[in-house]
Amino acid sequence: MNQIEYGPAGEMSLPRSGVYTGHAWWENRQATGDYYQTTLDRPTDDTFEDDLTEAWNNPPVTERYILDLAYSRASEPDDEEL
C-alpha cells in the first residue's frame, strides 16, 4: 500500500495467495490529513520539496490503519483481471 508520491503507507504479506474478505479502519486520519493539507498550503520556494519530505517523515500524529482480513478461497483466473 503506497501513497501516490511520498512513500509507503505500509506493507503486509499475506500467508497465501487467494481472495480475502474483511474490514479496514483507521485512527487519526482527519488530524493527519489536516496536517498534510496545511503543509501543502504553504507558499512554495526553493526548499518546499525538502520541507514537504521532512513534514511527511515527522508528522505530529500517526495515522494508523487496521486491516482485519480472512482467507475466503483460492484465486480463479477472472479474479486476477479485477
N, C-alpha and C. Protein backbone atom coordinates (compact mmCIF):
# COMPACT_ATOMS: atom_id res chain seq x y z
N MET A 1 0.86 -1.17 0.00
CA MET A 1 0.00 0.00 0.00
C MET A 1 0.90 1.22 0.00
N ASN A 2 0.74 2.05 -0.98
CA ASN A 2 1.59 3.22 -1.10
C ASN A 2 0.78 4.48 -1.33
N GLN A 3 1.36 5.59 -0.88
CA GLN A 3 0.81 6.88 -1.22
C GLN A 3 1.30 7.21 -2.63
N ILE A 4 0.65 8.11 -3.31
CA ILE A 4 0.98 8.36 -4.71
C ILE A 4 2.43 8.77 -4.89
N GLU A 5 2.94 9.74 -4.16
CA GLU A 5 4.29 10.21 -4.41
C GLU A 5 5.21 10.17 -3.20
N TYR A 6 4.67 10.04 -2.00
CA TYR A 6 5.51 10.25 -0.83
C TYR A 6 5.67 9.03 0.05
N GLY A 7 5.94 7.90 -0.57
CA GLY A 7 6.38 6.74 0.17
C GLY A 7 5.29 5.80 0.63
N PRO A 8 5.75 4.75 1.26
CA PRO A 8 4.82 3.69 1.65
C PRO A 8 3.91 4.09 2.80
N ALA A 9 2.67 3.68 2.69
CA ALA A 9 1.75 3.82 3.80
C ALA A 9 1.84 2.58 4.67
N GLY A 10 2.39 1.51 4.14
CA GLY A 10 2.58 0.28 4.88
C GLY A 10 2.67 -0.91 3.95
N GLU A 11 3.13 -2.00 4.48
CA GLU A 11 3.23 -3.23 3.72
C GLU A 11 2.66 -4.37 4.54
N MET A 12 2.17 -5.37 3.83
CA MET A 12 1.65 -6.53 4.52
C MET A 12 1.80 -7.74 3.60
N SER A 13 2.36 -8.80 4.11
CA SER A 13 2.45 -10.04 3.37
C SER A 13 1.31 -10.94 3.81
N LEU A 14 0.63 -11.50 2.84
CA LEU A 14 -0.46 -12.44 3.15
C LEU A 14 0.11 -13.85 3.19
N PRO A 15 -0.45 -14.71 4.00
CA PRO A 15 0.11 -16.06 4.16
C PRO A 15 0.03 -16.92 2.90
N ARG A 16 -0.93 -16.64 2.05
CA ARG A 16 -1.05 -17.37 0.78
C ARG A 16 -1.87 -16.53 -0.19
N SER A 17 -1.66 -16.79 -1.48
CA SER A 17 -2.42 -16.04 -2.46
C SER A 17 -3.85 -16.54 -2.48
N GLY A 18 -4.75 -15.68 -2.87
CA GLY A 18 -6.15 -16.03 -2.92
C GLY A 18 -7.01 -14.81 -2.73
N VAL A 19 -8.28 -15.05 -2.46
CA VAL A 19 -9.25 -13.98 -2.24
C VAL A 19 -9.48 -13.84 -0.74
N TYR A 20 -9.36 -12.62 -0.26
CA TYR A 20 -9.56 -12.33 1.16
C TYR A 20 -10.75 -11.38 1.31
N THR A 21 -11.46 -11.53 2.39
CA THR A 21 -12.53 -10.60 2.74
C THR A 21 -12.21 -10.03 4.10
N GLY A 22 -12.81 -8.88 4.40
CA GLY A 22 -12.55 -8.31 5.71
C GLY A 22 -12.98 -6.88 5.81
N HIS A 23 -12.44 -6.20 6.82
CA HIS A 23 -12.77 -4.81 7.11
C HIS A 23 -11.48 -4.03 7.33
N ALA A 24 -11.55 -2.76 7.04
CA ALA A 24 -10.43 -1.85 7.29
C ALA A 24 -10.96 -0.62 8.02
N TRP A 25 -10.16 -0.11 8.92
CA TRP A 25 -10.50 1.15 9.58
C TRP A 25 -9.19 1.83 9.98
N TRP A 26 -9.28 3.07 10.40
CA TRP A 26 -8.08 3.83 10.71
C TRP A 26 -8.33 4.76 11.87
N GLU A 27 -7.21 5.23 12.42
CA GLU A 27 -7.22 6.19 13.52
C GLU A 27 -6.39 7.40 13.11
N ASN A 28 -6.76 8.56 13.57
CA ASN A 28 -6.04 9.82 13.34
C ASN A 28 -6.01 10.24 11.87
N ARG A 29 -6.94 9.76 11.09
CA ARG A 29 -6.95 10.11 9.67
C ARG A 29 -7.21 11.59 9.46
N GLN A 30 -8.20 12.16 10.13
CA GLN A 30 -8.52 13.57 9.95
C GLN A 30 -7.38 14.47 10.40
N ALA A 31 -6.80 14.18 11.56
CA ALA A 31 -5.71 15.01 12.06
C ALA A 31 -4.50 14.95 11.14
N THR A 32 -4.20 13.77 10.62
CA THR A 32 -3.08 13.63 9.69
C THR A 32 -3.37 14.36 8.39
N GLY A 33 -4.58 14.20 7.87
CA GLY A 33 -4.96 14.89 6.65
C GLY A 33 -4.89 16.40 6.80
N ASP A 34 -5.35 16.91 7.92
CA ASP A 34 -5.29 18.35 8.18
C ASP A 34 -3.84 18.84 8.22
N TYR A 35 -2.98 18.08 8.87
CA TYR A 35 -1.56 18.44 8.95
C TYR A 35 -0.93 18.48 7.56
N TYR A 36 -1.16 17.44 6.77
CA TYR A 36 -0.58 17.40 5.44
C TYR A 36 -1.14 18.52 4.56
N GLN A 37 -2.43 18.81 4.66
CA GLN A 37 -3.02 19.89 3.86
C GLN A 37 -2.42 21.23 4.24
N THR A 38 -2.22 21.47 5.53
CA THR A 38 -1.59 22.71 5.98
C THR A 38 -0.18 22.81 5.42
N THR A 39 0.54 21.70 5.41
CA THR A 39 1.90 21.67 4.86
C THR A 39 1.88 21.99 3.37
N LEU A 40 0.93 21.41 2.64
CA LEU A 40 0.84 21.64 1.20
C LEU A 40 0.41 23.06 0.86
N ASP A 41 -0.33 23.71 1.75
CA ASP A 41 -0.83 25.06 1.51
C ASP A 41 0.23 26.14 1.72
N ARG A 42 1.37 25.76 2.27
CA ARG A 42 2.42 26.77 2.50
C ARG A 42 2.94 27.28 1.16
N PRO A 43 3.42 28.50 1.14
CA PRO A 43 3.96 29.04 -0.12
C PRO A 43 5.16 28.21 -0.58
N THR A 44 5.27 28.05 -1.86
CA THR A 44 6.39 27.29 -2.41
C THR A 44 7.61 28.19 -2.55
N ASP A 45 8.75 27.61 -2.31
CA ASP A 45 10.03 28.27 -2.53
C ASP A 45 11.06 27.19 -2.85
N ASP A 46 12.32 27.54 -2.81
CA ASP A 46 13.37 26.59 -3.18
C ASP A 46 13.47 25.41 -2.21
N THR A 47 13.00 25.58 -0.99
CA THR A 47 13.12 24.50 0.00
C THR A 47 11.82 23.72 0.18
N PHE A 48 10.79 24.02 -0.64
CA PHE A 48 9.48 23.40 -0.44
C PHE A 48 9.55 21.88 -0.46
N GLU A 49 10.26 21.30 -1.43
CA GLU A 49 10.31 19.84 -1.53
C GLU A 49 10.98 19.23 -0.30
N ASP A 50 12.07 19.82 0.17
CA ASP A 50 12.74 19.33 1.37
C ASP A 50 11.85 19.47 2.59
N ASP A 51 11.16 20.61 2.70
CA ASP A 51 10.25 20.83 3.82
C ASP A 51 9.10 19.83 3.80
N LEU A 52 8.59 19.56 2.61
CA LEU A 52 7.49 18.61 2.48
C LEU A 52 7.93 17.20 2.86
N THR A 53 9.10 16.80 2.42
CA THR A 53 9.63 15.48 2.80
C THR A 53 9.81 15.39 4.30
N GLU A 54 10.33 16.44 4.90
CA GLU A 54 10.51 16.48 6.36
C GLU A 54 9.16 16.37 7.07
N ALA A 55 8.15 17.10 6.56
CA ALA A 55 6.82 17.04 7.16
C ALA A 55 6.23 15.64 7.04
N TRP A 56 6.41 15.00 5.90
CA TRP A 56 5.88 13.64 5.70
C TRP A 56 6.56 12.65 6.64
N ASN A 57 7.85 12.87 6.92
CA ASN A 57 8.60 11.94 7.76
C ASN A 57 8.41 12.18 9.25
N ASN A 58 7.90 13.34 9.63
CA ASN A 58 7.79 13.68 11.06
C ASN A 58 6.45 14.32 11.40
N PRO A 59 5.33 13.64 11.16
CA PRO A 59 4.03 14.23 11.48
C PRO A 59 3.81 14.26 13.00
N PRO A 60 3.00 15.22 13.48
CA PRO A 60 2.74 15.31 14.92
C PRO A 60 1.83 14.19 15.43
N VAL A 61 1.08 13.56 14.54
CA VAL A 61 0.24 12.42 14.90
C VAL A 61 0.54 11.29 13.91
N THR A 62 0.25 10.08 14.32
CA THR A 62 0.48 8.94 13.46
C THR A 62 -0.86 8.38 13.00
N GLU A 63 -1.00 8.30 11.70
CA GLU A 63 -2.20 7.68 11.12
C GLU A 63 -2.00 6.17 11.18
N ARG A 64 -3.00 5.49 11.65
CA ARG A 64 -2.88 4.04 11.85
C ARG A 64 -4.03 3.34 11.14
N TYR A 65 -3.66 2.37 10.30
CA TYR A 65 -4.65 1.58 9.58
C TYR A 65 -4.71 0.19 10.19
N ILE A 66 -5.90 -0.34 10.29
CA ILE A 66 -6.10 -1.69 10.81
C ILE A 66 -6.84 -2.49 9.74
N LEU A 67 -6.27 -3.61 9.36
CA LEU A 67 -6.89 -4.49 8.38
C LEU A 67 -7.22 -5.81 9.08
N ASP A 68 -8.45 -6.20 9.02
CA ASP A 68 -8.91 -7.47 9.59
C ASP A 68 -9.35 -8.33 8.41
N LEU A 69 -8.46 -9.21 7.95
CA LEU A 69 -8.72 -10.00 6.76
C LEU A 69 -8.82 -11.48 7.08
N ALA A 70 -9.60 -12.17 6.29
CA ALA A 70 -9.73 -13.62 6.42
C ALA A 70 -9.67 -14.23 5.02
N TYR A 71 -8.95 -15.30 4.89
CA TYR A 71 -8.85 -16.01 3.61
C TYR A 71 -10.23 -16.58 3.28
N SER A 72 -10.70 -16.34 2.06
CA SER A 72 -12.01 -16.83 1.64
C SER A 72 -11.92 -18.03 0.73
N ARG A 73 -11.04 -17.93 -0.28
CA ARG A 73 -10.95 -19.03 -1.25
C ARG A 73 -9.73 -18.82 -2.13
N ALA A 74 -9.43 -19.84 -2.91
CA ALA A 74 -8.34 -19.74 -3.88
C ALA A 74 -8.73 -18.78 -5.00
N SER A 75 -7.74 -18.20 -5.63
CA SER A 75 -7.99 -17.32 -6.77
C SER A 75 -8.50 -18.12 -7.96
N GLU A 76 -9.30 -17.46 -8.76
CA GLU A 76 -9.75 -18.00 -10.03
C GLU A 76 -9.19 -17.10 -11.13
N PRO A 77 -9.07 -17.58 -12.37
CA PRO A 77 -8.48 -16.74 -13.42
C PRO A 77 -9.13 -15.37 -13.53
N ASP A 78 -10.43 -15.25 -13.40
CA ASP A 78 -11.12 -13.97 -13.52
C ASP A 78 -10.76 -13.01 -12.39
N ASP A 79 -10.40 -13.51 -11.21
CA ASP A 79 -10.08 -12.66 -10.07
C ASP A 79 -8.87 -11.77 -10.36
N GLU A 80 -7.93 -12.27 -11.13
CA GLU A 80 -6.70 -11.51 -11.38
C GLU A 80 -6.91 -10.38 -12.37
N GLU A 81 -8.02 -10.38 -13.08
CA GLU A 81 -8.30 -9.32 -14.03
C GLU A 81 -8.96 -8.12 -13.36
N LEU A 82 -9.41 -8.24 -12.12
CA LEU A 82 -10.10 -7.15 -11.42
C LEU A 82 -9.14 -6.09 -10.97
